[in-house]
């Protein structure tokens, strides 16, 4: 059986590859606790690159991330954001919009990524920024991207 790092680095998922700058990394439990395996490149306990986050969502949308019998569970988990900030805040007035996402914040680093379904559009959006007001910037980014996607209908 693969451990958490083994899954991220496996040939099946390839969401972490040191040859391409890393990607998704989980080296400790999200609830805190001791770091059990640091990212080999940046030596951090959690990390992500925008490209690999987008790839992860693409695998999810195309039903290649989890066994199909768990697809609805994944959608339930990702579709119920507890904190209404970043992309969720930016799309709060779009009543006909669904978002499946995960965000993260550490010091001045702010990240959000997900799948947005709005009318006939379905798109993947990922933003990672280092700035004290990065969360607000991500709220503004998703509004701009969503308007551009609407124009493409």
N, C-alpha and C. Protein backbone atom coordinates (compact mmCIF):
# COMPACT_ATOMS: atom_id res chain seq x y z
N UNK A 1 0.85 -1.19 0.00
CA UNK A 1 0.00 0.00 0.00
C UNK A 1 0.89 1.25 0.00
N UNK A 2 0.51 2.25 -0.77
CA UNK A 2 1.28 3.49 -0.85
C UNK A 2 0.98 4.39 0.33
N UNK A 3 2.00 5.07 0.85
CA UNK A 3 1.72 6.09 1.86
C UNK A 3 1.33 7.37 1.14
N UNK A 4 1.01 8.42 1.88
CA UNK A 4 0.53 9.67 1.28
C UNK A 4 1.51 10.23 0.26
N UNK A 5 2.80 10.23 0.58
CA UNK A 5 3.80 10.76 -0.34
C UNK A 5 3.90 9.87 -1.56
N UNK A 6 3.82 8.56 -1.37
CA UNK A 6 3.89 7.64 -2.49
C UNK A 6 2.78 7.89 -3.50
N UNK A 7 1.59 8.19 -3.02
CA UNK A 7 0.47 8.47 -3.92
C UNK A 7 0.75 9.73 -4.72
N UNK A 8 1.21 10.78 -4.08
CA UNK A 8 1.46 12.04 -4.78
C UNK A 8 2.56 11.89 -5.83
N UNK A 9 3.53 11.03 -5.57
CA UNK A 9 4.65 10.85 -6.49
C UNK A 9 4.45 9.66 -7.42
N UNK A 10 3.33 8.98 -7.32
CA UNK A 10 3.10 7.78 -8.13
C UNK A 10 2.97 8.13 -9.61
N UNK A 11 3.27 7.16 -10.47
CA UNK A 11 3.13 7.35 -11.92
C UNK A 11 1.67 7.58 -12.30
N UNK A 12 0.74 7.04 -11.51
CA UNK A 12 -0.68 7.20 -11.84
C UNK A 12 -1.10 8.67 -11.75
N UNK A 13 -0.65 9.38 -10.71
CA UNK A 13 -1.12 10.75 -10.50
C UNK A 13 -0.11 11.81 -10.92
N UNK A 14 1.17 11.60 -10.65
CA UNK A 14 2.24 12.53 -11.02
C UNK A 14 1.92 13.98 -10.63
N UNK A 15 1.43 14.19 -9.42
CA UNK A 15 1.14 15.55 -8.99
C UNK A 15 2.29 16.16 -8.18
N UNK A 16 3.34 15.37 -7.97
CA UNK A 16 4.57 15.91 -7.39
C UNK A 16 5.74 15.29 -8.14
N UNK A 17 6.55 16.15 -8.76
CA UNK A 17 7.70 15.67 -9.49
C UNK A 17 8.85 16.66 -9.31
N UNK A 18 9.89 16.26 -8.59
CA UNK A 18 11.01 17.18 -8.34
C UNK A 18 11.68 17.68 -9.62
N UNK A 19 11.60 16.91 -10.71
CA UNK A 19 12.20 17.34 -11.98
C UNK A 19 11.48 18.57 -12.56
N UNK A 20 10.23 18.77 -12.15
CA UNK A 20 9.45 19.89 -12.67
C UNK A 20 9.06 20.88 -11.58
N UNK A 21 9.89 21.01 -10.58
CA UNK A 21 9.67 22.03 -9.55
C UNK A 21 8.75 21.63 -8.41
N UNK A 22 8.38 20.38 -8.33
CA UNK A 22 7.55 19.94 -7.22
C UNK A 22 6.11 19.74 -7.62
N UNK A 23 5.21 20.34 -6.87
CA UNK A 23 3.77 20.17 -7.12
C UNK A 23 3.03 20.09 -5.80
N UNK A 24 2.12 19.14 -5.69
CA UNK A 24 1.37 18.98 -4.45
C UNK A 24 2.19 18.19 -3.45
N UNK A 25 2.25 18.69 -2.23
CA UNK A 25 3.00 18.02 -1.18
C UNK A 25 2.22 18.06 0.12
N UNK A 26 2.11 16.92 0.77
CA UNK A 26 1.48 16.83 2.08
C UNK A 26 2.44 16.05 2.96
N UNK A 27 3.07 16.74 3.90
CA UNK A 27 4.07 16.10 4.75
C UNK A 27 3.73 16.11 6.23
N UNK A 28 2.49 16.45 6.55
CA UNK A 28 2.01 16.34 7.93
C UNK A 28 0.49 16.42 7.89
N UNK A 29 -0.13 16.03 8.99
CA UNK A 29 -1.59 16.09 9.07
C UNK A 29 -2.04 17.54 9.04
N UNK A 30 -3.20 17.80 8.42
CA UNK A 30 -3.72 19.16 8.35
C UNK A 30 -4.11 19.72 9.70
N UNK A 31 -4.44 18.87 10.63
CA UNK A 31 -4.83 19.33 11.96
C UNK A 31 -3.66 19.75 12.82
N UNK A 32 -2.49 19.75 12.28
CA UNK A 32 -1.30 20.09 13.05
C UNK A 32 -0.47 18.85 13.30
N UNK A 33 0.33 18.91 14.31
CA UNK A 33 1.17 17.77 14.62
C UNK A 33 2.53 17.89 13.99
N UNK A 34 3.32 16.86 14.20
CA UNK A 34 4.70 16.84 13.77
C UNK A 34 4.82 16.60 12.26
N UNK A 35 5.74 17.28 11.63
CA UNK A 35 6.02 17.06 10.22
C UNK A 35 6.68 15.70 10.09
N UNK A 36 6.16 14.85 9.21
CA UNK A 36 6.74 13.53 9.05
C UNK A 36 7.55 13.37 7.78
N UNK A 37 7.39 14.27 6.81
CA UNK A 37 8.19 14.20 5.57
C UNK A 37 8.11 15.55 4.87
N UNK A 38 9.23 16.25 4.80
CA UNK A 38 9.27 17.57 4.15
C UNK A 38 9.44 17.44 2.64
N UNK A 39 8.91 18.43 1.93
CA UNK A 39 9.09 18.55 0.49
C UNK A 39 10.60 18.55 0.20
N UNK A 40 11.08 17.67 -0.69
CA UNK A 40 12.51 17.61 -0.95
C UNK A 40 13.11 18.87 -1.59
N UNK A 41 12.30 19.68 -2.24
CA UNK A 41 12.81 20.88 -2.91
C UNK A 41 12.79 22.08 -1.98
N UNK A 42 11.64 22.37 -1.39
CA UNK A 42 11.47 23.59 -0.58
C UNK A 42 11.53 23.34 0.93
N UNK A 43 11.58 22.09 1.32
CA UNK A 43 11.68 21.70 2.74
C UNK A 43 10.51 22.24 3.58
N UNK A 44 9.30 22.24 3.01
CA UNK A 44 8.11 22.68 3.71
C UNK A 44 7.19 21.48 3.95
N UNK A 45 6.27 21.62 4.88
CA UNK A 45 5.38 20.50 5.20
C UNK A 45 4.22 20.37 4.23
N UNK A 46 3.77 21.47 3.65
CA UNK A 46 2.69 21.47 2.66
C UNK A 46 3.11 22.39 1.52
N UNK A 47 2.75 22.03 0.32
CA UNK A 47 3.09 22.89 -0.80
C UNK A 47 2.26 22.56 -2.02
N UNK A 48 2.28 23.49 -2.96
CA UNK A 48 1.54 23.30 -4.20
C UNK A 48 2.09 24.21 -5.28
N UNK A 49 2.06 23.74 -6.50
CA UNK A 49 2.32 24.60 -7.65
C UNK A 49 0.99 24.76 -8.39
N UNK A 50 0.81 25.89 -9.01
CA UNK A 50 -0.46 26.15 -9.70
C UNK A 50 -0.74 25.11 -10.77
N UNK A 51 0.28 24.72 -11.52
CA UNK A 51 0.08 23.75 -12.59
C UNK A 51 -0.37 22.39 -12.04
N UNK A 52 0.23 21.95 -10.96
CA UNK A 52 -0.16 20.65 -10.42
C UNK A 52 -1.52 20.69 -9.72
N UNK A 53 -1.87 21.83 -9.15
CA UNK A 53 -3.21 21.96 -8.58
C UNK A 53 -4.24 21.88 -9.71
N UNK A 54 -3.98 22.59 -10.81
CA UNK A 54 -4.89 22.54 -11.97
C UNK A 54 -4.98 21.12 -12.51
N UNK A 55 -3.86 20.42 -12.57
CA UNK A 55 -3.84 19.04 -13.04
C UNK A 55 -4.68 18.15 -12.12
N UNK A 56 -4.57 18.36 -10.81
CA UNK A 56 -5.34 17.58 -9.84
C UNK A 56 -6.84 17.75 -10.11
N UNK A 57 -7.27 19.00 -10.31
CA UNK A 57 -8.69 19.24 -10.59
C UNK A 57 -9.09 18.64 -11.93
N UNK A 58 -8.21 18.69 -12.91
CA UNK A 58 -8.52 18.07 -14.20
C UNK A 58 -8.72 16.57 -14.04
N UNK A 59 -7.85 15.92 -13.27
CA UNK A 59 -8.01 14.50 -13.01
C UNK A 59 -9.35 14.23 -12.31
N UNK A 60 -9.73 15.09 -11.39
CA UNK A 60 -11.00 14.93 -10.68
C UNK A 60 -12.19 15.07 -11.63
N UNK A 61 -12.17 16.13 -12.45
CA UNK A 61 -13.29 16.39 -13.37
C UNK A 61 -13.43 15.28 -14.40
N UNK A 62 -12.31 14.72 -14.84
CA UNK A 62 -12.36 13.66 -15.85
C UNK A 62 -12.46 12.27 -15.21
N UNK A 63 -12.75 12.24 -13.91
CA UNK A 63 -12.99 11.02 -13.14
C UNK A 63 -11.81 10.06 -13.20
N UNK A 64 -10.60 10.61 -13.12
CA UNK A 64 -9.39 9.78 -13.09
C UNK A 64 -8.62 9.94 -11.77
N UNK A 65 -9.21 10.65 -10.82
CA UNK A 65 -8.53 10.89 -9.55
C UNK A 65 -8.90 9.84 -8.50
N UNK A 66 -10.17 9.54 -8.41
CA UNK A 66 -10.63 8.54 -7.44
C UNK A 66 -11.49 7.53 -8.18
N UNK A 67 -11.68 6.40 -7.55
CA UNK A 67 -12.55 5.37 -8.09
C UNK A 67 -13.93 6.00 -8.33
N UNK A 68 -14.57 5.72 -9.47
CA UNK A 68 -15.87 6.34 -9.77
C UNK A 68 -16.90 6.21 -8.65
N UNK A 69 -16.84 5.15 -7.86
CA UNK A 69 -17.81 5.00 -6.78
C UNK A 69 -17.63 6.06 -5.69
N UNK A 70 -16.46 6.73 -5.66
CA UNK A 70 -16.19 7.78 -4.68
C UNK A 70 -16.31 9.19 -5.27
N UNK A 71 -16.67 9.29 -6.53
CA UNK A 71 -16.73 10.59 -7.20
C UNK A 71 -17.71 11.54 -6.51
N UNK A 72 -18.87 11.04 -6.11
CA UNK A 72 -19.85 11.89 -5.42
C UNK A 72 -19.34 12.33 -4.06
N UNK A 73 -18.61 11.45 -3.37
CA UNK A 73 -18.04 11.82 -2.07
C UNK A 73 -17.03 12.96 -2.25
N UNK A 74 -16.21 12.87 -3.28
CA UNK A 74 -15.23 13.92 -3.56
C UNK A 74 -15.95 15.24 -3.84
N UNK A 75 -17.00 15.18 -4.64
CA UNK A 75 -17.76 16.40 -4.95
C UNK A 75 -18.39 16.98 -3.70
N UNK A 76 -18.90 16.13 -2.81
CA UNK A 76 -19.51 16.61 -1.56
C UNK A 76 -18.47 17.32 -0.69
N UNK A 77 -17.29 16.73 -0.58
CA UNK A 77 -16.23 17.31 0.24
C UNK A 77 -15.76 18.64 -0.35
N UNK A 78 -15.50 18.66 -1.63
CA UNK A 78 -14.95 19.86 -2.27
C UNK A 78 -16.02 20.93 -2.50
N UNK A 79 -17.28 20.55 -2.51
CA UNK A 79 -18.36 21.49 -2.81
C UNK A 79 -18.98 22.15 -1.60
N UNK A 80 -18.43 21.92 -0.44
CA UNK A 80 -18.98 22.51 0.78
C UNK A 80 -17.92 23.32 1.53
N UNK A 81 -17.45 24.43 0.94
CA UNK A 81 -16.41 25.19 1.63
C UNK A 81 -16.92 25.79 2.93
N UNK A 82 -16.18 25.55 4.00
CA UNK A 82 -16.58 26.05 5.32
C UNK A 82 -16.26 27.53 5.48
N UNK A 83 -15.20 27.97 4.86
CA UNK A 83 -14.78 29.37 4.98
C UNK A 83 -15.16 30.09 3.69
N UNK A 84 -15.89 31.16 3.82
CA UNK A 84 -16.41 31.89 2.64
C UNK A 84 -15.47 33.04 2.29
N UNK A 85 -14.29 32.72 1.82
CA UNK A 85 -13.31 33.73 1.45
C UNK A 85 -12.73 33.40 0.07
N UNK A 86 -11.80 34.19 -0.38
CA UNK A 86 -11.09 33.98 -1.65
C UNK A 86 -12.09 33.76 -2.79
N UNK A 87 -11.99 32.66 -3.54
CA UNK A 87 -12.86 32.45 -4.70
C UNK A 87 -14.34 32.39 -4.30
N UNK A 88 -14.64 31.77 -3.18
CA UNK A 88 -16.05 31.68 -2.74
C UNK A 88 -16.62 33.07 -2.51
N UNK A 89 -15.85 33.94 -1.86
CA UNK A 89 -16.29 35.31 -1.62
C UNK A 89 -16.50 36.05 -2.94
N UNK A 90 -15.59 35.86 -3.88
CA UNK A 90 -15.71 36.54 -5.17
C UNK A 90 -16.95 36.12 -5.96
N UNK A 91 -17.40 34.89 -5.77
CA UNK A 91 -18.55 34.38 -6.52
C UNK A 91 -19.85 34.38 -5.71
N UNK A 92 -19.83 34.99 -4.53
CA UNK A 92 -20.99 34.92 -3.61
C UNK A 92 -22.28 35.46 -4.21
N UNK A 93 -22.21 36.42 -5.11
CA UNK A 93 -23.42 36.99 -5.70
C UNK A 93 -23.90 36.22 -6.93
N UNK A 94 -23.18 35.21 -7.35
CA UNK A 94 -23.55 34.40 -8.52
C UNK A 94 -24.35 33.20 -8.02
N UNK A 95 -25.63 33.38 -7.87
CA UNK A 95 -26.49 32.35 -7.27
C UNK A 95 -26.55 31.08 -8.10
N UNK A 96 -26.30 31.16 -9.39
CA UNK A 96 -26.37 30.00 -10.27
C UNK A 96 -24.99 29.37 -10.49
N UNK A 97 -24.11 29.53 -9.51
CA UNK A 97 -22.75 29.04 -9.64
C UNK A 97 -22.45 27.98 -8.59
N UNK A 98 -21.76 26.93 -9.02
CA UNK A 98 -21.25 25.92 -8.11
C UNK A 98 -19.73 26.03 -8.11
N UNK A 99 -19.09 25.79 -6.98
CA UNK A 99 -17.65 25.77 -6.91
C UNK A 99 -17.21 24.59 -6.06
N UNK A 100 -16.24 23.87 -6.57
CA UNK A 100 -15.63 22.74 -5.87
C UNK A 100 -14.18 23.11 -5.69
N UNK A 101 -13.76 23.34 -4.46
CA UNK A 101 -12.44 23.91 -4.27
C UNK A 101 -11.79 23.61 -2.94
N UNK A 102 -10.51 23.98 -2.87
CA UNK A 102 -9.71 23.90 -1.65
C UNK A 102 -8.81 25.11 -1.65
N UNK A 103 -8.66 25.73 -0.48
CA UNK A 103 -7.78 26.88 -0.38
C UNK A 103 -6.79 26.66 0.75
N UNK A 104 -5.80 27.51 0.78
CA UNK A 104 -4.82 27.42 1.85
C UNK A 104 -4.17 28.78 2.09
N UNK A 105 -3.72 28.99 3.30
CA UNK A 105 -3.04 30.23 3.67
C UNK A 105 -1.92 29.88 4.63
N UNK A 106 -0.79 30.49 4.41
CA UNK A 106 0.34 30.36 5.33
C UNK A 106 1.12 31.66 5.28
N UNK A 107 1.15 32.36 6.40
CA UNK A 107 1.78 33.68 6.50
C UNK A 107 1.22 34.57 5.40
N UNK A 108 2.06 35.08 4.48
CA UNK A 108 1.58 35.95 3.39
C UNK A 108 1.26 35.20 2.10
N UNK A 109 1.27 33.88 2.16
CA UNK A 109 0.95 33.07 0.99
C UNK A 109 -0.53 32.70 1.03
N UNK A 110 -1.20 32.94 -0.07
CA UNK A 110 -2.63 32.64 -0.20
C UNK A 110 -2.84 31.84 -1.47
N UNK A 111 -3.61 30.78 -1.37
CA UNK A 111 -3.87 29.94 -2.54
C UNK A 111 -5.33 29.53 -2.56
N UNK A 112 -5.85 29.39 -3.75
CA UNK A 112 -7.18 28.86 -3.95
C UNK A 112 -7.20 28.19 -5.31
N UNK A 113 -7.93 27.15 -5.42
CA UNK A 113 -8.05 26.45 -6.69
C UNK A 113 -9.34 25.68 -6.70
N UNK A 114 -9.89 25.51 -7.88
CA UNK A 114 -11.11 24.74 -7.94
C UNK A 114 -11.73 24.67 -9.32
N UNK A 115 -12.87 24.05 -9.34
CA UNK A 115 -13.68 23.94 -10.54
C UNK A 115 -14.91 24.81 -10.32
N UNK A 116 -15.16 25.69 -11.27
CA UNK A 116 -16.32 26.58 -11.21
C UNK A 116 -17.28 26.16 -12.32
N UNK A 117 -18.54 26.00 -11.94
CA UNK A 117 -19.58 25.71 -12.92
C UNK A 117 -20.58 26.85 -12.84
N UNK A 118 -20.65 27.60 -13.94
CA UNK A 118 -21.50 28.79 -14.00
C UNK A 118 -22.20 28.80 -15.34
N UNK A 119 -23.50 28.63 -15.29
CA UNK A 119 -24.32 28.52 -16.49
C UNK A 119 -23.78 27.40 -17.38
N UNK A 120 -23.37 27.72 -18.59
CA UNK A 120 -22.86 26.69 -19.50
C UNK A 120 -21.35 26.51 -19.39
N UNK A 121 -20.72 27.29 -18.56
CA UNK A 121 -19.26 27.22 -18.43
C UNK A 121 -18.84 26.33 -17.27
N UNK A 122 -17.80 25.58 -17.49
CA UNK A 122 -17.13 24.82 -16.44
C UNK A 122 -15.65 25.05 -16.66
N UNK A 123 -14.99 25.59 -15.64
CA UNK A 123 -13.57 25.87 -15.81
C UNK A 123 -12.80 25.63 -14.52
N UNK A 124 -11.51 25.40 -14.70
CA UNK A 124 -10.60 25.22 -13.58
C UNK A 124 -9.86 26.53 -13.38
N UNK A 125 -9.77 26.97 -12.14
CA UNK A 125 -9.06 28.20 -11.82
C UNK A 125 -8.16 27.95 -10.62
N UNK A 126 -6.94 28.45 -10.70
CA UNK A 126 -5.97 28.31 -9.61
C UNK A 126 -5.25 29.64 -9.45
N UNK A 127 -5.11 30.08 -8.22
CA UNK A 127 -4.34 31.29 -7.94
C UNK A 127 -3.49 31.08 -6.70
N UNK A 128 -2.23 31.44 -6.79
CA UNK A 128 -1.31 31.39 -5.65
C UNK A 128 -0.57 32.72 -5.64
N UNK A 129 -0.61 33.40 -4.49
CA UNK A 129 -0.02 34.73 -4.42
C UNK A 129 0.68 34.91 -3.07
N UNK A 130 1.76 35.66 -3.10
CA UNK A 130 2.44 36.04 -1.86
C UNK A 130 2.25 37.53 -1.67
N UNK A 131 1.35 37.88 -0.77
CA UNK A 131 1.03 39.28 -0.48
C UNK A 131 0.15 39.30 0.76
N UNK A 132 0.31 40.30 1.63
CA UNK A 132 -0.55 40.35 2.83
C UNK A 132 -2.04 40.37 2.51
N UNK A 133 -2.43 40.98 1.39
CA UNK A 133 -3.84 41.05 1.00
C UNK A 133 -4.17 40.07 -0.13
N UNK A 134 -3.41 38.99 -0.21
CA UNK A 134 -3.58 38.02 -1.29
C UNK A 134 -4.95 37.38 -1.35
N UNK A 135 -5.57 37.17 -0.20
CA UNK A 135 -6.91 36.59 -0.19
C UNK A 135 -7.92 37.46 -0.90
N UNK A 136 -7.83 38.77 -0.67
CA UNK A 136 -8.72 39.72 -1.37
C UNK A 136 -8.42 39.73 -2.87
N UNK A 137 -7.14 39.65 -3.20
CA UNK A 137 -6.76 39.61 -4.61
C UNK A 137 -7.35 38.40 -5.32
N UNK A 138 -7.38 37.26 -4.64
CA UNK A 138 -7.97 36.06 -5.24
C UNK A 138 -9.47 36.22 -5.41
N UNK A 139 -10.13 36.91 -4.48
CA UNK A 139 -11.57 37.20 -4.63
C UNK A 139 -11.82 38.04 -5.88
N UNK A 140 -10.96 39.00 -6.13
CA UNK A 140 -11.09 39.86 -7.31
C UNK A 140 -10.74 39.09 -8.58
N UNK A 141 -9.74 38.23 -8.52
CA UNK A 141 -9.32 37.45 -9.69
C UNK A 141 -10.45 36.59 -10.22
N UNK A 142 -11.16 35.87 -9.35
CA UNK A 142 -12.20 34.97 -9.82
C UNK A 142 -13.35 35.74 -10.46
N UNK A 143 -13.63 36.94 -10.00
CA UNK A 143 -14.68 37.77 -10.62
C UNK A 143 -14.29 38.10 -12.06
N UNK A 144 -13.05 38.50 -12.26
CA UNK A 144 -12.56 38.85 -13.60
C UNK A 144 -12.58 37.64 -14.52
N UNK A 145 -12.08 36.52 -14.04
CA UNK A 145 -12.05 35.30 -14.85
C UNK A 145 -13.47 34.87 -15.20
N UNK A 146 -14.38 34.92 -14.24
CA UNK A 146 -15.75 34.50 -14.50
C UNK A 146 -16.42 35.39 -15.55
N UNK A 147 -16.16 36.69 -15.50
CA UNK A 147 -16.71 37.60 -16.53
C UNK A 147 -16.16 37.26 -17.90
N UNK A 148 -14.87 36.96 -17.96
CA UNK A 148 -14.27 36.56 -19.25
C UNK A 148 -14.88 35.26 -19.76
N UNK A 149 -15.11 34.33 -18.87
CA UNK A 149 -15.71 33.05 -19.28
C UNK A 149 -17.14 33.25 -19.78
N UNK A 150 -17.88 34.17 -19.15
CA UNK A 150 -19.25 34.46 -19.62
C UNK A 150 -19.23 35.01 -21.03
N UNK A 151 -18.26 35.85 -21.35
CA UNK A 151 -18.17 36.42 -22.69
C UNK A 151 -17.92 35.36 -23.75
N UNK A 152 -17.34 34.25 -23.34
CA UNK A 152 -17.00 33.19 -24.29
C UNK A 152 -18.20 32.30 -24.61
N UNK A 153 -19.33 32.48 -23.95
CA UNK A 153 -20.50 31.65 -24.22
C UNK A 153 -21.07 31.95 -25.58
